[in-house]
């Protein structure tokens, strides 16, 4: 299927150069890149689970419950609130 894409000139030059280094046609190189990208599961920030930090106790390792995902803005607000409370 044919389609038209408007790509910035520097990006197009890079794609052409990489296809040439691979020794393949630009359309085949681009199709392989898109195919590879579609095979990877999408990374959604809301669905990412933070790793659980192990806590060492006398009885062994205890895992903490997962922490909520916070944005940089939320972390900054919490730190500012903590500083003003001190």
PDB file of N, CA and C in Angstrom:
ATOM      1  N   UNK A   1       0.843  -1.168   0.000  1.00  0.00           N
ATOM      2  CA  UNK A   1       0.000   0.000   0.000  1.00  0.00           C
ATOM      3  C   UNK A   1       0.896   1.242   0.000  1.00  0.00           C
ATOM      4  N   UNK A   2       0.513   2.214  -0.756  1.00  0.00           N
ATOM      5  CA  UNK A   2       1.273   3.457  -0.819  1.00  0.00           C
ATOM      6  C   UNK A   2       0.717   4.444   0.191  1.00  0.00           C
ATOM      7  N   UNK A   3       1.618   5.229   0.758  1.00  0.00           N
ATOM      8  CA  UNK A   3       1.215   6.298   1.664  1.00  0.00           C
ATOM      9  C   UNK A   3       2.230   7.423   1.565  1.00  0.00           C
ATOM     10  N   UNK A   4       1.856   8.582   2.004  1.00  0.00           N
ATOM     11  CA  UNK A   4       2.754   9.731   1.962  1.00  0.00           C
ATOM     12  C   UNK A   4       3.017  10.193   3.389  1.00  0.00           C
ATOM     13  N   UNK A   5       4.286  10.407   3.705  1.00  0.00           N
ATOM     14  CA  UNK A   5       4.688  10.906   5.011  1.00  0.00           C
ATOM     15  C   UNK A   5       5.493  12.184   4.822  1.00  0.00           C
ATOM     16  N   UNK A   6       5.249  13.150   5.667  1.00  0.00           N
ATOM     17  CA  UNK A   6       6.060  14.368   5.670  1.00  0.00           C
ATOM     18  C   UNK A   6       7.061  14.240   6.806  1.00  0.00           C
ATOM     19  N   UNK A   7       8.314  13.966   6.447  1.00  0.00           N
ATOM     20  CA  UNK A   7       9.372  13.802   7.444  1.00  0.00           C
ATOM     21  C   UNK A   7      10.365  14.948   7.313  1.00  0.00           C
ATOM     22  N   UNK A   8      10.951  15.381   8.415  1.00  0.00           N
ATOM     23  CA  UNK A   8      11.981  16.420   8.342  1.00  0.00           C
ATOM     24  C   UNK A   8      13.163  15.924   7.500  1.00  0.00           C
ATOM     25  N   UNK A   9      13.786  16.839   6.767  1.00  0.00           N
ATOM     26  CA  UNK A   9      14.899  16.469   5.882  1.00  0.00           C
ATOM     27  C   UNK A   9      16.018  15.732   6.610  1.00  0.00           C
ATOM     28  N   UNK A  10      16.457  16.187   7.793  1.00  0.00           N
ATOM     29  CA  UNK A  10      17.538  15.458   8.475  1.00  0.00           C
ATOM     30  C   UNK A  10      17.146  14.016   8.816  1.00  0.00           C
ATOM     31  N   UNK A  11      15.903  13.802   9.196  1.00  0.00           N
ATOM     32  CA  UNK A  11      15.447  12.452   9.509  1.00  0.00           C
ATOM     33  C   UNK A  11      15.432  11.594   8.254  1.00  0.00           C
ATOM     34  N   UNK A  12      14.976  12.152   7.152  1.00  0.00           N
ATOM     35  CA  UNK A  12      14.931  11.399   5.895  1.00  0.00           C
ATOM     36  C   UNK A  12      16.340  11.025   5.436  1.00  0.00           C
ATOM     37  N   UNK A  13      17.282  11.964   5.580  1.00  0.00           N
ATOM     38  CA  UNK A  13      18.677  11.665   5.209  1.00  0.00           C
ATOM     39  C   UNK A  13      19.226  10.525   6.063  1.00  0.00           C
ATOM     40  N   UNK A  14      18.911  10.545   7.364  1.00  0.00           N
ATOM     41  CA  UNK A  14      19.382   9.485   8.269  1.00  0.00           C
ATOM     42  C   UNK A  14      18.779   8.140   7.882  1.00  0.00           C
ATOM     43  N   UNK A  15      17.487   8.126   7.577  1.00  0.00           N
ATOM     44  CA  UNK A  15      16.840   6.881   7.147  1.00  0.00           C
ATOM     45  C   UNK A  15      17.465   6.341   5.867  1.00  0.00           C
ATOM     46  N   UNK A  16      17.695   7.217   4.894  1.00  0.00           N
ATOM     47  CA  UNK A  16      18.311   6.793   3.628  1.00  0.00           C
ATOM     48  C   UNK A  16      19.715   6.247   3.859  1.00  0.00           C
ATOM     49  N   UNK A  17      20.484   6.913   4.719  1.00  0.00           N
ATOM     50  CA  UNK A  17      21.852   6.473   4.995  1.00  0.00           C
ATOM     51  C   UNK A  17      21.855   5.104   5.668  1.00  0.00           C
ATOM     52  N   UNK A  18      20.973   4.920   6.635  1.00  0.00           N
ATOM     53  CA  UNK A  18      20.932   3.627   7.329  1.00  0.00           C
ATOM     54  C   UNK A  18      20.480   2.508   6.401  1.00  0.00           C
ATOM     55  N   UNK A  19      19.509   2.799   5.551  1.00  0.00           N
ATOM     56  CA  UNK A  19      19.063   1.791   4.585  1.00  0.00           C
ATOM     57  C   UNK A  19      20.202   1.422   3.647  1.00  0.00           C
ATOM     58  N   UNK A  20      20.957   2.424   3.203  1.00  0.00           N
ATOM     59  CA  UNK A  20      22.086   2.156   2.310  1.00  0.00           C
ATOM     60  C   UNK A  20      23.152   1.323   3.015  1.00  0.00           C
ATOM     61  N   UNK A  21      23.420   1.636   4.296  1.00  0.00           N
ATOM     62  CA  UNK A  21      24.424   0.857   5.042  1.00  0.00           C
ATOM     63  C   UNK A  21      23.978  -0.590   5.219  1.00  0.00           C
ATOM     64  N   UNK A  22      22.662  -0.807   5.329  1.00  0.00           N
ATOM     65  CA  UNK A  22      22.122  -2.162   5.462  1.00  0.00           C
ATOM     66  C   UNK A  22      22.044  -2.857   4.098  1.00  0.00           C
ATOM     67  N   UNK A  23      22.135  -2.069   3.026  1.00  0.00           N
ATOM     68  CA  UNK A  23      22.059  -2.631   1.687  1.00  0.00           C
ATOM     69  C   UNK A  23      20.648  -3.013   1.273  1.00  0.00           C
ATOM     70  N   UNK A  24      19.661  -2.277   1.801  1.00  0.00           N
ATOM     71  CA  UNK A  24      18.268  -2.568   1.467  1.00  0.00           C
ATOM     72  C   UNK A  24      17.605  -1.305   0.932  1.00  0.00           C
ATOM     73  N   UNK A  25      16.461  -1.497   0.291  1.00  0.00           N
ATOM     74  CA  UNK A  25      15.710  -0.349  -0.200  1.00  0.00           C
ATOM     75  C   UNK A  25      15.136   0.419   0.992  1.00  0.00           C
ATOM     76  N   UNK A  26      14.965   1.719   0.802  1.00  0.00           N
ATOM     77  CA  UNK A  26      14.430   2.567   1.857  1.00  0.00           C
ATOM     78  C   UNK A  26      13.063   2.077   2.317  1.00  0.00           C
ATOM     79  N   UNK A  27      12.196   1.699   1.385  1.00  0.00           N
ATOM     80  CA  UNK A  27      10.845   1.261   1.765  1.00  0.00           C
ATOM     81  C   UNK A  27      10.897  -0.013   2.599  1.00  0.00           C
ATOM     82  N   UNK A  28      11.835  -0.921   2.282  1.00  0.00           N
ATOM     83  CA  UNK A  28      11.962  -2.161   3.048  1.00  0.00           C
ATOM     84  C   UNK A  28      12.526  -1.879   4.444  1.00  0.00           C
ATOM     85  N   UNK A  29      13.481  -0.965   4.507  1.00  0.00           N
ATOM     86  CA  UNK A  29      14.072  -0.593   5.802  1.00  0.00           C
ATOM     87  C   UNK A  29      13.016   0.048   6.701  1.00  0.00           C
ATOM     88  N   UNK A  30      12.253   0.967   6.142  1.00  0.00           N
ATOM     89  CA  UNK A  30      11.223   1.665   6.902  1.00  0.00           C
ATOM     90  C   UNK A  30      10.138   0.682   7.358  1.00  0.00           C
ATOM     91  N   UNK A  31       9.722  -0.224   6.471  1.00  0.00           N
ATOM     92  CA  UNK A  31       8.700  -1.211   6.819  1.00  0.00           C
ATOM     93  C   UNK A  31       9.182  -2.104   7.957  1.00  0.00           C
ATOM     94  N   UNK A  32      10.464  -2.493   7.935  1.00  0.00           N
ATOM     95  CA  UNK A  32      11.008  -3.329   9.008  1.00  0.00           C
ATOM     96  C   UNK A  32      11.023  -2.572  10.334  1.00  0.00           C
ATOM     97  N   UNK A  33      11.360  -1.269  10.292  1.00  0.00           N
ATOM     98  CA  UNK A  33      11.365  -0.469  11.517  1.00  0.00           C
ATOM     99  C   UNK A  33       9.961  -0.364  12.099  1.00  0.00           C
ATOM    100  N   UNK A  34       8.979  -0.121  11.258  1.00  0.00           N
ATOM    101  CA  UNK A  34       7.599   0.001  11.728  1.00  0.00           C
ATOM    102  C   UNK A  34       7.122  -1.344  12.269  1.00  0.00           C
ATOM    103  N   UNK A  35       7.439  -2.421  11.570  1.00  0.00           N
ATOM    104  CA  UNK A  35       7.040  -3.761  12.008  1.00  0.00           C
ATOM    105  C   UNK A  35       7.638  -4.069  13.379  1.00  0.00           C
ATOM    106  N   UNK A  36       8.920  -3.767  13.565  1.00  0.00           N
ATOM    107  CA  UNK A  36       9.574  -4.007  14.854  1.00  0.00           C
ATOM    108  C   UNK A  36       8.934  -3.180  15.964  1.00  0.00           C
ATOM    109  N   UNK A  37       8.613  -1.926  15.659  1.00  0.00           N
ATOM    110  CA  UNK A  37       8.001  -1.049  16.664  1.00  0.00           C
ATOM    111  C   UNK A  37       6.617  -1.551  17.057  1.00  0.00           C
ATOM    112  N   UNK A  38       5.882  -2.092  16.113  1.00  0.00           N
ATOM    113  CA  UNK A  38       4.534  -2.584  16.406  1.00  0.00           C
ATOM    114  C   UNK A  38       4.548  -3.892  17.185  1.00  0.00           C
ATOM    115  N   UNK A  39       5.635  -4.638  17.107  1.00  0.00           N
ATOM    116  CA  UNK A  39       5.717  -5.905  17.843  1.00  0.00           C
ATOM    117  C   UNK A  39       6.033  -5.691  19.319  1.00  0.00           C
ATOM    118  N   UNK A  40       6.580  -4.532  19.664  1.00  0.00           N
ATOM    119  CA  UNK A  40       6.880  -4.236  21.058  1.00  0.00           C
ATOM    120  C   UNK A  40       5.603  -3.786  21.752  1.00  0.00           C
ATOM    121  N   UNK A  41       5.402  -4.241  22.992  1.00  0.00           N
ATOM    122  CA  UNK A  41       4.211  -3.757  23.701  1.00  0.00           C
ATOM    123  C   UNK A  41       4.364  -2.275  24.023  1.00  0.00           C
ATOM    124  N   UNK A  42       3.271  -1.527  23.962  1.00  0.00           N
ATOM    125  CA  UNK A  42       3.371  -0.093  24.258  1.00  0.00           C
ATOM    126  C   UNK A  42       3.711   0.126  25.727  1.00  0.00           C
ATOM    127  N   UNK A  43       4.559   1.108  25.981  1.00  0.00           N
ATOM    128  CA  UNK A  43       4.942   1.445  27.345  1.00  0.00           C
ATOM    129  C   UNK A  43       4.066   2.593  27.820  1.00  0.00           C
ATOM    130  N   UNK A  44       3.111   2.280  28.669  1.00  0.00           N
ATOM    131  CA  UNK A  44       2.216   3.289  29.202  1.00  0.00           C
ATOM    132  C   UNK A  44       2.619   3.581  30.638  1.00  0.00           C
ATOM    133  N   UNK A  45       2.875   4.835  30.928  1.00  0.00           N
ATOM    134  CA  UNK A  45       3.340   5.225  32.253  1.00  0.00           C
ATOM    135  C   UNK A  45       2.356   4.832  33.339  1.00  0.00           C
ATOM    136  N   UNK A  46       1.056   4.917  33.059  1.00  0.00           N
ATOM    137  CA  UNK A  46       0.052   4.618  34.077  1.00  0.00           C
ATOM    138  C   UNK A  46       0.037   3.137  34.445  1.00  0.00           C
ATOM    139  N   UNK A  47       0.464   2.276  33.525  1.00  0.00           N
ATOM    140  CA  UNK A  47       0.424   0.843  33.777  1.00  0.00           C
ATOM    141  C   UNK A  47       1.747   0.300  34.320  1.00  0.00           C
ATOM    142  N   UNK A  48       2.776   1.108  34.347  1.00  0.00           N
ATOM    143  CA  UNK A  48       4.060   0.628  34.835  1.00  0.00           C
ATOM    144  C   UNK A  48       3.985   0.414  36.339  1.00  0.00           C
ATOM    145  N   UNK A  49       4.531  -0.695  36.779  1.00  0.00           N
ATOM    146  CA  UNK A  49       4.548  -1.010  38.199  1.00  0.00           C
ATOM    147  C   UNK A  49       5.949  -0.744  38.723  1.00  0.00           C
ATOM    148  N   UNK A  50       6.008  -0.010  39.801  1.00  0.00           N
ATOM    149  CA  UNK A  50       7.313   0.256  40.396  1.00  0.00           C
ATOM    150  C   UNK A  50       7.849  -1.021  41.029  1.00  0.00           C
ATOM    151  N   UNK A  51       9.156  -1.166  41.015  1.00  0.00           N
ATOM    152  CA  UNK A  51       9.743  -2.324  41.663  1.00  0.00           C
ATOM    153  C   UNK A  51       9.582  -2.190  43.167  1.00  0.00           C
ATOM    154  N   UNK A  52       9.435  -3.306  43.820  1.00  0.00           N
ATOM    155  CA  UNK A  52       9.267  -3.280  45.257  1.00  0.00           C
ATOM    156  C   UNK A  52      10.641  -3.322  45.915  1.00  0.00           C
ATOM    157  N   UNK A  53      10.839  -2.453  46.870  1.00  0.00           N
ATOM    158  CA  UNK A  53      12.120  -2.355  47.563  1.00  0.00           C
ATOM    159  C   UNK A  53      12.124  -3.370  48.704  1.00  0.00           C
ATOM    160  N   UNK A  54      13.141  -4.233  48.771  1.00  0.00           N
ATOM    161  CA  UNK A  54      13.181  -5.186  49.880  1.00  0.00           C
ATOM    162  C   UNK A  54      13.549  -4.478  51.184  1.00  0.00           C
ATOM    163  N   UNK A  55      12.905  -4.893  52.261  1.00  0.00           N
ATOM    164  CA  UNK A  55      13.208  -4.375  53.586  1.00  0.00           C
ATOM    165  C   UNK A  55      13.737  -5.545  54.400  1.00  0.00           C
ATOM    166  N   UNK A  56      14.919  -5.371  54.965  1.00  0.00           N
ATOM    167  CA  UNK A  56      15.533  -6.449  55.722  1.00  0.00           C
ATOM    168  C   UNK A  56      15.096  -6.377  57.176  1.00  0.00           C
ATOM    169  N   UNK A  57      14.595  -7.480  57.672  1.00  0.00           N
ATOM    170  CA  UNK A  57      14.207  -7.588  59.075  1.00  0.00           C
ATOM    171  C   UNK A  57      14.956  -8.777  59.674  1.00  0.00           C
ATOM    172  N   UNK A  58      14.763  -8.998  60.966  1.00  0.00           N
ATOM    173  CA  UNK A  58      15.435 -10.140  61.601  1.00  0.00           C
ATOM    174  C   UNK A  58      14.915 -11.467  61.051  1.00  0.00           C
ATOM    175  N   UNK A  59      13.678 -11.464  60.586  1.00  0.00           N
ATOM    176  CA  UNK A  59      13.074 -12.704  60.102  1.00  0.00           C
ATOM    177  C   UNK A  59      13.325 -12.931  58.614  1.00  0.00           C
ATOM    178  N   UNK A  60      13.970 -12.020  57.959  1.00  0.00           N
ATOM    179  CA  UNK A  60      14.240 -12.177  56.533  1.00  0.00           C
ATOM    180  C   UNK A  60      13.872 -10.928  55.770  1.00  0.00           C
ATOM    181  N   UNK A  61      13.570 -11.097  54.517  1.00  0.00           N
ATOM    182  CA  UNK A  61      13.259  -9.964  53.649  1.00  0.00           C
ATOM    183  C   UNK A  61      11.747  -9.794  53.573  1.00  0.00           C
ATOM    184  N   UNK A  62      11.297  -8.574  53.771  1.00  0.00           N
ATOM    185  CA  UNK A  62       9.872  -8.248  53.662  1.00  0.00           C
ATOM    186  C   UNK A  62       9.730  -7.218  52.549  1.00  0.00           C
ATOM    187  N   UNK A  63       8.814  -7.444  51.635  1.00  0.00           N
ATOM    188  CA  UNK A  63       8.616  -6.491  50.540  1.00  0.00           C
ATOM    189  C   UNK A  63       7.561  -5.469  50.915  1.00  0.00           C
ATOM    190  N   UNK A  64       7.828  -4.221  50.574  1.00  0.00           N
ATOM    191  CA  UNK A  64       6.867  -3.150  50.808  1.00  0.00           C
ATOM    192  C   UNK A  64       5.793  -3.186  49.732  1.00  0.00           C
ATOM    193  N   UNK A  65       4.614  -2.663  50.021  1.00  0.00           N
ATOM    194  CA  UNK A  65       3.587  -2.587  48.972  1.00  0.00           C
ATOM    195  C   UNK A  65       4.049  -1.639  47.865  1.00  0.00           C
ATOM    196  N   UNK A  66       3.544  -1.798  46.638  1.00  0.00           N
ATOM    197  CA  UNK A  66       3.971  -0.920  45.538  1.00  0.00           C
ATOM    198  C   UNK A  66       3.668   0.541  45.844  1.00  0.00           C
ATOM    199  N   UNK A  67       4.591   1.399  45.461  1.00  0.00           N
ATOM    200  CA  UNK A  67       4.434   2.837  45.650  1.00  0.00           C
ATOM    201  C   UNK A  67       3.613   3.397  44.493  1.00  0.00           C
ATOM    202  N   UNK A  68       2.794   4.412  44.751  1.00  0.00           N
ATOM    203  CA  UNK A  68       2.052   5.022  43.636  1.00  0.00           C
ATOM    204  C   UNK A  68       3.014   5.777  42.727  1.00  0.00           C
ATOM    205  N   UNK A  69       2.716   5.781  41.446  1.00  0.00           N
ATOM    206  CA  UNK A  69       3.543   6.530  40.495  1.00  0.00           C
ATOM    207  C   UNK A  69       3.267   8.017  40.682  1.00  0.00           C
ATOM    208  N   UNK A  70       4.328   8.782  40.901  1.00  0.00           N
ATOM    209  CA  UNK A  70       4.204  10.220  41.092  1.00  0.00           C
ATOM    210  C   UNK A  70       4.957  10.948  39.997  1.00  0.00           C
ATOM    211  N   UNK A  71       4.407  12.059  39.564  1.00  0.00           N
ATOM    212  CA  UNK A  71       5.095  12.887  38.578  1.00  0.00           C
ATOM    213  C   UNK A  71       6.136  13.738  39.295  1.00  0.00           C
ATOM    214  N   UNK A  72       7.045  14.321  38.551  1.00  0.00           N
ATOM    215  CA  UNK A  72       8.047  15.205  39.141  1.00  0.00           C
ATOM    216  C   UNK A  72       7.381  16.382  39.851  1.00  0.00           C
ATOM    217  N   UNK A  73       6.303  16.882  39.276  1.00  0.00           N
ATOM    218  CA  UNK A  73       5.584  18.005  39.877  1.00  0.00           C
ATOM    219  C   UNK A  73       4.994  17.604  41.236  1.00  0.00           C
ATOM    220  N   UNK A  74       4.417  16.400  41.315  1.00  0.00           N
ATOM    221  CA  UNK A  74       3.856  15.931  42.575  1.00  0.00           C
ATOM    222  C   UNK A  74       4.939  15.733  43.629  1.00  0.00           C
ATOM    223  N   UNK A  75       6.074  15.192  43.233  1.00  0.00           N
ATOM    224  CA  UNK A  75       7.189  14.994  44.163  1.00  0.00           C
ATOM    225  C   UNK A  75       7.684  16.338  44.675  1.00  0.00           C
ATOM    226  N   UNK A  76       7.824  17.298  43.771  1.00  0.00           N
ATOM    227  CA  UNK A  76       8.275  18.633  44.159  1.00  0.00           C
ATOM    228  C   UNK A  76       7.304  19.264  45.155  1.00  0.00           C
ATOM    229  N   UNK A  77       6.000  19.111  44.914  1.00  0.00           N
ATOM    230  CA  UNK A  77       4.996  19.678  45.823  1.00  0.00           C
ATOM    231  C   UNK A  77       5.084  19.026  47.202  1.00  0.00           C
ATOM    232  N   UNK A  78       5.303  17.723  47.238  1.00  0.00           N
ATOM    233  CA  UNK A  78       5.435  17.038  48.524  1.00  0.00           C
ATOM    234  C   UNK A  78       6.681  17.504  49.276  1.00  0.00           C
ATOM    235  N   UNK A  79       7.782  17.686  48.553  1.00  0.00           N
ATOM    236  CA  UNK A  79       9.010  18.160  49.187  1.00  0.00           C
ATOM    237  C   UNK A  79       8.848  19.583  49.698  1.00  0.00           C
ATOM    238  N   UNK A  80       8.189  20.437  48.915  1.00  0.00           N
ATOM    239  CA  UNK A  80       7.943  21.811  49.352  1.00  0.00           C
ATOM    240  C   UNK A  80       7.071  21.847  50.585  1.00  0.00           C
ATOM    241  N   UNK A  81       6.036  21.005  50.646  1.00  0.00           N
ATOM    242  CA  UNK A  81       5.156  20.943  51.805  1.00  0.00           C
ATOM    243  C   UNK A  81       5.916  20.453  53.027  1.00  0.00           C
ATOM    244  N   UNK A  82       6.815  19.498  52.803  1.00  0.00           N
ATOM    245  CA  UNK A  82       7.617  18.983  53.917  1.00  0.00           C
ATOM    246  C   UNK A  82       8.567  20.043  54.453  1.00  0.00           C
ATOM    247  N   UNK A  83       9.168  20.821  53.527  1.00  0.00           N
ATOM    248  CA  UNK A  83      10.091  21.884  53.940  1.00  0.00           C
ATOM    249  C   UNK A  83       9.365  22.989  54.711  1.00  0.00           C
ATOM    250  N   UNK A  84       8.168  23.341  54.284  1.00  0.00           N
ATOM    251  CA  UNK A  84       7.437  24.416  54.951  1.00  0.00           C
ATOM    252  C   UNK A  84       6.888  23.977  56.304  1.00  0.00           C
ATOM    253  N   UNK A  85       6.670  22.670  56.476  1.00  0.00           N
ATOM    254  CA  UNK A  85       6.172  22.153  57.751  1.00  0.00           C
ATOM    255  C   UNK A  85       7.289  22.083  58.789  1.00  0.00           C
ATOM    256  N   UNK A  86       8.526  22.077  58.331  1.00  0.00           N
ATOM    257  CA  UNK A  86       9.669  21.949  59.266  1.00  0.00           C
ATOM    258  C   UNK A  86      10.039  23.255  59.896  1.00  0.00           C
TER     259      UNK A  86
END
